[in-house]
Amino acid sequence: MTSSSLPETAIEGLTDAQRIELLRGLVAIPSTSRNEVDAVAYLCRWMTELGFDAGPDEAGSAIGRIGSGDRTIVLLGHIDTVPGDIPVRIEDGVLHGRGAVDAKGPLATFVCAAAEAAERANVRIVVVGAVGEESIGSLGATAVAKWPAPDLCIIGEPSGWDAVCLGYRGTLSTIYRLRQDCRHFAGPGESVSEQAVAFWNGLTAEAAARNEGVTGNFFSVGATLRAMGTSSDGLQDEAWMSIGVRLPPGIDVDGLLNRMHALAGPAELTIEGRQEGYRTEKRSPIVPPFLRSIRGECGTPRFTLKLGTSDMTVVGPVWGCPIVAYGPGDAALDHTPDERIVLDDYLRAVRVLTNVLVAL
């Protein structure tokens, strides 16, 4: 980044070329979970030049504050990515690179829109580039959730420039581990591998039973076997599995956990992370400005509900304020080798969000 890349003042605003350069430069800096320092420093430098009071917080997230007024809007994005080296390049108006969609595109949208809206919106805007969203525990958002509740919150995730996301399922991140004395495979009893498979089959059957009569995947329980393995030292055999259970809003999580412990029998279940599902409503006061602004960009507004999770499930239940998720990009490209974002969609999202912040 060079000073010539930036406007002289925030009031002058950003050109489209500068908006694109902010995003391209951010995507070009690797920032897997727990390795976000360089990307945080880059984003803070940009925000400072644009008139924000910016710097990292104790968790290491990038925090930028701009504007004034009686109300506060938090724009909570995340700066970390999953692993994967995708060469950063712009071809035919498309930016390729890890994090272009999930979720540096939405985060750069937040910075640009907040800088543009600050002089016209009678509101305090806080942009957060949270660390650790892609790892268990969501370190950055968990720290931010301890702040006093803002008046409004927008989560930075790829909804598509013309869509507003109203909710996410939660998740239980679980480690199953079974150890027992070694035995001859021809002898009586089940091996650790067989018992682990029986637990997994029991869990998927439990999910299927809970999903009977449920309409739509968002309201269903989903189980994913992330990894598994076995080992032996000649005295003890061990089987382990890493399992993610997706949780629709309103589910009795403690009851599900009790059932999982019963299915596990002598095995040890460790819960590494727990985030309950969260959903807002279309009648939320934060929704109408989005609908008007998307139509103003000649779009047809859509609503989405996501089957994964996001930092909405961390701060939403704590703050209880009006909250939605928004950002450019095709969520189907999250975590894939083909991650990319259409730059025209990114620029449209900046204009949409700028108008939303002014209207709010």
Protein backbone atom coordinates (compact mmCIF):
# COMPACT_ATOMS: atom_id res chain seq x y z
CA MET A 1 0.00 0.00 0.00
CA THR A 2 1.25 3.49 -0.80
CA SER A 3 -0.10 6.84 0.27
CA SER A 4 -0.89 7.60 -3.37
CA SER A 5 -3.43 4.76 -3.28
CA LEU A 6 -5.55 6.67 -0.80
CA PRO A 7 -7.70 9.80 -0.98
CA GLU A 8 -6.32 12.87 0.76
CA THR A 9 -9.30 12.96 3.11
CA ALA A 10 -12.25 10.78 3.86
CA ILE A 11 -14.58 13.57 2.73
CA GLU A 12 -13.26 13.36 -0.82
CA GLY A 13 -14.31 9.75 -0.98
CA LEU A 14 -12.86 6.75 -2.72
CA THR A 15 -12.78 6.11 -6.44
CA ASP A 16 -13.81 2.71 -7.74
CA ALA A 17 -10.16 1.99 -8.49
CA GLN A 18 -9.24 2.72 -4.87
CA ARG A 19 -12.08 0.57 -3.55
CA ILE A 20 -10.81 -2.29 -5.70
CA GLU A 21 -7.22 -1.74 -4.60
CA LEU A 22 -8.25 -1.86 -0.93
CA LEU A 23 -9.86 -5.26 -1.50
CA ARG A 24 -7.12 -6.62 -3.77
CA GLY A 25 -4.41 -5.66 -1.29
CA LEU A 26 -6.32 -7.20 1.59
CA VAL A 27 -6.88 -10.46 -0.28
CA ALA A 28 -3.19 -10.54 -1.24
CA ILE A 29 -2.13 -10.74 2.44
CA PRO A 30 -2.44 -14.31 3.79
CA SER A 31 -4.46 -14.28 7.02
CA THR A 32 -5.45 -17.74 8.13
CA SER A 33 -6.83 -17.96 11.66
CA ARG A 34 -4.17 -17.03 14.23
CA ASN A 35 -2.05 -15.45 11.50
CA GLU A 36 -3.96 -12.22 10.88
CA VAL A 37 -1.46 -9.61 12.19
CA ASP A 38 -0.27 -8.32 8.79
CA ALA A 39 -3.78 -8.09 7.35
CA VAL A 40 -5.01 -6.30 10.48
CA ALA A 41 -2.19 -3.77 10.22
CA TYR A 42 -2.96 -3.19 6.52
CA LEU A 43 -6.66 -2.62 7.17
CA CYS A 44 -5.98 -0.31 10.12
CA ARG A 45 -3.64 1.83 7.95
CA TRP A 46 -6.33 2.20 5.32
CA MET A 47 -8.98 3.08 7.89
CA THR A 48 -6.72 5.65 9.55
CA GLU A 49 -6.05 7.36 6.20
CA LEU A 50 -9.81 7.41 5.57
CA GLY A 51 -10.53 9.27 8.80
CA PHE A 52 -11.24 6.41 11.17
CA ASP A 53 -9.85 6.17 14.68
CA ALA A 54 -8.35 2.75 14.01
CA GLY A 55 -6.16 0.12 15.63
CA PRO A 56 -6.14 -3.46 16.88
CA ASP A 57 -8.02 -4.44 20.03
CA GLU A 58 -6.81 -6.84 22.72
CA ALA A 59 -7.97 -9.86 20.73
CA GLY A 60 -6.00 -8.65 17.71
CA SER A 61 -9.00 -7.63 15.58
CA ALA A 62 -8.95 -4.48 13.44
CA ILE A 63 -11.27 -1.85 14.92
CA GLY A 64 -12.18 1.42 13.18
CA ARG A 65 -14.52 4.09 14.49
CA ILE A 66 -15.91 6.95 12.44
CA GLY A 67 -18.83 9.39 12.56
CA SER A 68 -20.85 10.81 15.42
CA GLY A 69 -24.41 10.77 16.66
CA ASP A 70 -26.70 9.37 19.31
CA ARG A 71 -26.77 5.85 17.88
CA THR A 72 -24.11 3.25 17.13
CA ILE A 73 -23.95 0.77 14.25
CA VAL A 74 -21.44 -2.07 14.42
CA LEU A 75 -20.31 -3.53 11.10
CA LEU A 76 -18.82 -6.86 12.16
CA GLY A 77 -16.81 -8.68 9.51
CA HIS A 78 -13.93 -11.12 9.81
CA ILE A 79 -10.42 -10.85 8.42
CA ASP A 80 -9.23 -14.44 8.79
CA THR A 81 -9.59 -17.10 6.11
CA VAL A 82 -9.37 -20.86 5.80
CA PRO A 83 -6.08 -22.24 4.41
CA GLY A 84 -5.44 -22.49 0.68
CA ASP A 85 -3.13 -20.58 -1.64
CA ILE A 86 -5.09 -19.17 -4.58
CA PRO A 87 -2.99 -16.87 -6.80
CA VAL A 88 -4.38 -13.34 -6.45
CA ARG A 89 -5.27 -11.90 -9.82
CA ILE A 90 -7.91 -9.82 -11.59
CA GLU A 91 -9.20 -11.27 -14.84
CA ASP A 92 -12.23 -10.05 -16.82
CA GLY A 93 -13.50 -7.99 -13.89
CA VAL A 94 -13.20 -10.85 -11.40
CA LEU A 95 -10.85 -10.91 -8.39
CA HIS A 96 -9.52 -14.37 -7.57
CA GLY A 97 -7.96 -15.18 -4.20
CA ARG A 98 -8.49 -16.82 -0.84
CA GLY A 99 -10.85 -14.65 1.21
CA ALA A 100 -12.21 -12.68 -1.75
CA VAL A 101 -15.69 -13.92 -0.84
CA ASP A 102 -15.31 -15.21 2.72
CA ALA A 103 -15.10 -12.62 3.96
CA LYS A 104 -12.70 -9.88 2.86
CA GLY A 105 -15.11 -8.74 0.15
CA PRO A 106 -17.81 -7.91 2.74
CA LEU A 107 -15.20 -6.43 5.10
CA ALA A 108 -13.77 -4.10 2.45
CA THR A 109 -17.37 -3.15 1.61
CA PHE A 110 -17.85 -2.14 5.24
CA VAL A 111 -14.78 0.10 5.28
CA CYS A 112 -15.62 1.84 2.00
CA ALA A 113 -19.30 2.36 2.85
CA ALA A 114 -18.58 3.63 6.37
CA ALA A 115 -16.03 6.12 5.04
CA GLU A 116 -18.48 7.35 2.39
CA ALA A 117 -21.46 7.58 4.76
CA ALA A 118 -19.76 9.11 7.80
CA GLU A 119 -20.24 12.74 6.79
CA ARG A 120 -23.91 12.25 5.93
CA ALA A 121 -25.07 9.81 8.59
CA ASN A 122 -25.86 11.04 12.09
CA VAL A 123 -24.52 7.87 13.65
CA ARG A 124 -21.36 6.36 15.10
CA ILE A 125 -20.07 3.56 12.87
CA VAL A 126 -17.70 0.90 14.19
CA VAL A 127 -16.07 -1.44 11.67
CA VAL A 128 -14.63 -4.69 13.05
CA GLY A 129 -12.29 -6.97 11.12
CA ALA A 130 -12.55 -9.84 13.59
CA VAL A 131 -9.90 -12.50 13.98
CA GLY A 132 -10.55 -16.19 14.48
CA GLU A 133 -13.98 -16.55 12.89
CA GLU A 134 -12.85 -19.58 10.92
CA SER A 135 -11.56 -21.34 14.04
CA ILE A 136 -13.39 -22.80 17.01
CA GLY A 137 -14.31 -20.14 19.56
CA SER A 138 -14.55 -17.10 17.22
CA LEU A 139 -11.97 -15.19 19.26
CA GLY A 140 -12.57 -11.74 17.78
CA ALA A 141 -16.37 -11.78 17.91
CA THR A 142 -16.36 -13.27 21.41
CA ALA A 143 -14.33 -10.27 22.59
CA VAL A 144 -16.60 -7.81 20.77
CA ALA A 145 -19.71 -9.44 22.27
CA LYS A 146 -18.59 -8.08 25.65
CA TRP A 147 -19.10 -4.50 24.42
CA PRO A 148 -22.30 -2.66 25.32
CA ALA A 149 -24.96 -3.57 22.80
CA PRO A 150 -25.06 -1.23 19.78
CA ASP A 151 -28.31 0.07 18.35
CA LEU A 152 -27.86 -1.89 15.13
CA CYS A 153 -25.46 -4.52 13.77
CA ILE A 154 -24.60 -5.80 10.30
CA ILE A 155 -22.53 -8.97 9.92
CA GLY A 156 -20.10 -9.13 7.00
CA GLU A 157 -20.74 -12.37 5.14
CA PRO A 158 -21.44 -13.10 1.46
CA SER A 159 -25.18 -12.84 0.94
CA GLY A 160 -24.92 -11.52 -2.62
CA TRP A 161 -25.07 -7.77 -3.29
CA ASP A 162 -28.85 -7.96 -3.80
CA ALA A 163 -29.72 -10.14 -0.78
CA VAL A 164 -30.02 -9.82 2.98
CA CYS A 165 -29.31 -12.80 5.23
CA LEU A 166 -31.65 -13.14 8.20
CA GLY A 167 -30.17 -16.07 10.06
CA TYR A 168 -27.57 -18.78 10.56
CA ARG A 169 -27.62 -22.19 12.11
CA GLY A 170 -25.40 -22.74 15.11
CA THR A 171 -22.85 -25.47 15.66
CA LEU A 172 -21.48 -27.96 18.16
CA SER A 173 -17.84 -28.81 17.50
CA THR A 174 -17.27 -32.21 19.08
CA ILE A 175 -14.37 -34.63 19.49
CA TYR A 176 -15.29 -38.31 20.06
CA ARG A 177 -12.49 -40.38 21.58
CA LEU A 178 -12.62 -44.04 22.63
CA ARG A 179 -9.75 -45.96 24.23
CA GLN A 180 -9.75 -49.58 25.28
CA ASP A 181 -7.29 -52.40 25.91
CA CYS A 182 -5.99 -54.11 22.80
CA ARG A 183 -7.76 -57.29 21.78
CA HIS A 184 -7.35 -59.87 19.06
CA PHE A 185 -9.62 -59.10 16.13
CA ALA A 186 -10.84 -62.72 16.18
CA GLY A 187 -11.88 -62.42 19.82
CA PRO A 188 -15.27 -61.38 21.24
CA GLY A 189 -16.40 -57.79 21.50
CA GLU A 190 -16.29 -54.78 19.18
CA SER A 191 -13.17 -52.95 18.09
CA VAL A 192 -12.81 -49.21 18.78
CA SER A 193 -13.39 -48.63 15.06
CA GLU A 194 -16.66 -50.54 15.10
CA GLN A 195 -17.89 -48.67 18.17
CA ALA A 196 -16.95 -45.33 16.63
CA VAL A 197 -18.90 -46.20 13.48
CA ALA A 198 -21.87 -47.27 15.62
CA PHE A 199 -21.81 -43.89 17.40
CA TRP A 200 -21.73 -42.02 14.09
CA ASN A 201 -24.62 -44.09 12.73
CA GLY A 202 -26.57 -43.48 15.93
CA LEU A 203 -25.96 -39.72 15.70
CA THR A 204 -27.13 -39.50 12.09
CA ALA A 205 -30.22 -41.54 12.98
CA GLU A 206 -30.92 -39.15 15.86
CA ALA A 207 -30.64 -36.19 13.50
CA ALA A 208 -32.97 -37.85 11.00
CA ALA A 209 -35.55 -38.50 13.73
CA ARG A 210 -35.41 -34.88 14.89
CA ASN A 211 -35.83 -33.69 11.30
CA GLU A 212 -39.05 -35.60 10.65
CA GLY A 213 -41.70 -33.14 9.53
CA VAL A 214 -39.21 -30.27 9.30
CA THR A 215 -39.57 -28.04 6.24
CA GLY A 216 -36.36 -26.59 4.84
CA ASN A 217 -32.75 -27.42 5.64
CA PHE A 218 -32.30 -24.30 7.77
CA PHE A 219 -34.57 -25.76 10.45
CA SER A 220 -32.95 -29.19 10.42
CA VAL A 221 -30.16 -30.74 12.51
CA GLY A 222 -27.14 -31.64 10.41
CA ALA A 223 -24.10 -33.75 11.32
CA THR A 224 -20.76 -33.66 9.50
CA LEU A 225 -17.89 -36.08 10.02
CA ARG A 226 -14.91 -33.76 9.59
CA ALA A 227 -12.07 -36.20 10.25
CA MET A 228 -11.45 -39.57 11.86
CA GLY A 229 -8.65 -41.97 12.70
CA THR A 230 -7.41 -44.90 14.77
CA SER A 231 -4.13 -45.72 16.50
CA SER A 232 -2.61 -48.33 18.80
CA ASP A 233 0.49 -48.55 20.98
CA GLY A 234 0.19 -52.31 21.43
CA LEU A 235 -1.49 -51.95 24.80
CA GLN A 236 -4.42 -49.65 24.02
CA ASP A 237 -6.40 -49.01 20.87
CA GLU A 238 -7.90 -45.60 20.18
CA ALA A 239 -10.51 -44.28 17.76
CA TRP A 240 -11.32 -40.59 17.33
CA MET A 241 -13.65 -38.46 15.25
CA SER A 242 -14.06 -34.74 14.75
CA ILE A 243 -17.77 -34.01 14.30
CA GLY A 244 -19.70 -30.83 13.63
CA VAL A 245 -23.40 -30.71 14.44
CA ARG A 246 -25.40 -27.87 12.87
CA LEU A 247 -28.11 -26.46 15.12
CA PRO A 248 -31.28 -24.71 13.96
CA PRO A 249 -32.54 -21.83 16.12
CA GLY A 250 -34.65 -22.90 19.08
CA ILE A 251 -33.37 -26.46 19.42
CA ASP A 252 -32.89 -27.92 22.92
CA VAL A 253 -29.09 -28.08 22.71
CA ASP A 254 -28.64 -29.52 26.21
CA GLY A 255 -31.14 -32.28 25.42
CA LEU A 256 -29.26 -33.11 22.22
CA LEU A 257 -25.97 -33.21 24.14
CA ASN A 258 -27.43 -35.61 26.70
CA ARG A 259 -28.54 -37.89 23.85
CA MET A 260 -25.08 -37.75 22.27
CA HIS A 261 -23.42 -38.73 25.56
CA ALA A 262 -25.80 -41.67 25.85
CA LEU A 263 -24.96 -42.79 22.31
CA ALA A 264 -21.23 -42.47 23.01
CA GLY A 265 -21.33 -45.00 25.83
CA PRO A 266 -17.81 -45.40 27.31
CA ALA A 267 -16.27 -42.95 24.83
CA GLU A 268 -15.29 -39.42 25.83
CA LEU A 269 -17.08 -36.51 24.14
CA THR A 270 -15.32 -33.15 24.25
CA ILE A 271 -17.26 -30.04 23.20
CA GLU A 272 -14.74 -27.64 21.67
CA GLY A 273 -17.24 -25.00 20.62
CA ARG A 274 -20.93 -24.23 21.00
CA GLN A 275 -22.85 -21.58 19.09
CA GLU A 276 -26.62 -21.70 19.02
CA GLY A 277 -28.54 -20.78 15.87
CA TYR A 278 -29.93 -17.27 15.50
CA ARG A 279 -32.54 -15.71 13.24
CA THR A 280 -33.95 -12.21 12.87
CA GLU A 281 -37.23 -11.24 11.19
CA LYS A 282 -38.09 -9.46 7.94
CA ARG A 283 -39.89 -6.79 9.94
CA SER A 284 -36.64 -5.73 11.60
CA PRO A 285 -36.10 -1.95 11.27
CA ILE A 286 -32.76 -2.62 9.62
CA VAL A 287 -34.36 -4.38 6.62
CA PRO A 288 -36.38 -1.66 4.76
CA PRO A 289 -33.35 0.54 3.96
CA PHE A 290 -31.67 -2.48 2.38
CA LEU A 291 -34.71 -3.22 0.23
CA ARG A 292 -34.89 0.39 -1.00
CA SER A 293 -31.16 0.62 -1.64
CA ILE A 294 -30.98 -2.68 -3.56
CA ARG A 295 -33.90 -1.56 -5.73
CA GLY A 296 -32.08 1.72 -6.26
CA GLU A 297 -29.26 -0.29 -7.84
CA CYS A 298 -31.80 -1.99 -10.14
CA GLY A 299 -31.75 -5.20 -8.13
CA THR A 300 -34.59 -7.41 -6.92
CA PRO A 301 -34.10 -7.86 -3.15
CA ARG A 302 -33.87 -11.39 -1.77
CA PHE A 303 -33.76 -12.91 1.70
CA THR A 304 -31.56 -15.83 2.63
CA LEU A 305 -31.07 -18.18 5.59
CA LYS A 306 -27.64 -19.82 5.82
CA LEU A 307 -27.00 -23.45 6.70
CA GLY A 308 -23.58 -22.66 8.15
CA THR A 309 -22.70 -20.40 11.02
CA SER A 310 -21.24 -16.90 11.42
CA ASP A 311 -20.45 -14.34 14.08
CA MET A 312 -24.16 -13.45 14.08
CA THR A 313 -24.64 -16.48 16.33
CA VAL A 314 -21.99 -15.09 18.71
CA VAL A 315 -23.17 -11.48 19.17
CA GLY A 316 -26.86 -11.76 18.23
CA PRO A 317 -28.06 -13.60 21.35
CA VAL A 318 -25.95 -11.34 23.61
CA TRP A 319 -26.79 -7.95 22.13
CA GLY A 320 -30.41 -8.56 21.12
CA CYS A 321 -30.32 -5.58 18.75
CA PRO A 322 -31.63 -5.51 15.15
CA ILE A 323 -29.11 -7.51 13.12
CA VAL A 324 -28.71 -8.89 9.59
CA ALA A 325 -25.83 -10.16 7.47
CA TYR A 326 -24.83 -8.56 4.19
CA GLY A 327 -21.97 -8.62 1.72
CA PRO A 328 -21.11 -9.23 -1.91
CA GLY A 329 -20.04 -12.59 -3.23
CA ASP A 330 -21.38 -16.05 -4.00
CA ALA A 331 -21.37 -18.08 -0.77
CA ALA A 332 -21.15 -21.30 -2.81
CA LEU A 333 -17.51 -20.33 -3.47
CA ASP A 334 -16.62 -20.16 0.25
CA HIS A 335 -13.62 -22.34 1.14
CA THR A 336 -13.28 -23.64 -2.45
CA PRO A 337 -10.27 -23.61 -4.80
CA ASP A 338 -12.29 -21.34 -7.11
CA GLU A 339 -12.96 -18.53 -4.62
CA ARG A 340 -13.51 -15.30 -6.53
CA ILE A 341 -15.65 -12.18 -6.51
CA VAL A 342 -17.16 -10.15 -9.35
CA LEU A 343 -15.84 -6.61 -8.83
CA ASP A 344 -18.96 -4.93 -10.23
CA ASP A 345 -20.97 -6.75 -7.55
CA TYR A 346 -18.53 -5.57 -4.90
CA LEU A 347 -18.88 -1.95 -6.05
CA ARG A 348 -22.68 -2.29 -6.10
CA ALA A 349 -22.58 -3.58 -2.53
CA VAL A 350 -20.54 -0.55 -1.46
CA ARG A 351 -23.17 1.78 -2.91
CA VAL A 352 -26.02 -0.22 -1.38
CA LEU A 353 -24.50 -0.22 2.08
CA THR A 354 -23.52 3.45 1.91
CA ASN A 355 -27.14 4.37 1.27
CA VAL A 356 -28.32 2.01 4.02
CA LEU A 357 -26.02 3.63 6.60
CA VAL A 358 -27.19 7.11 5.63
CA ALA A 359 -30.85 6.03 5.78
CA LEU A 360 -30.43 4.34 9.17
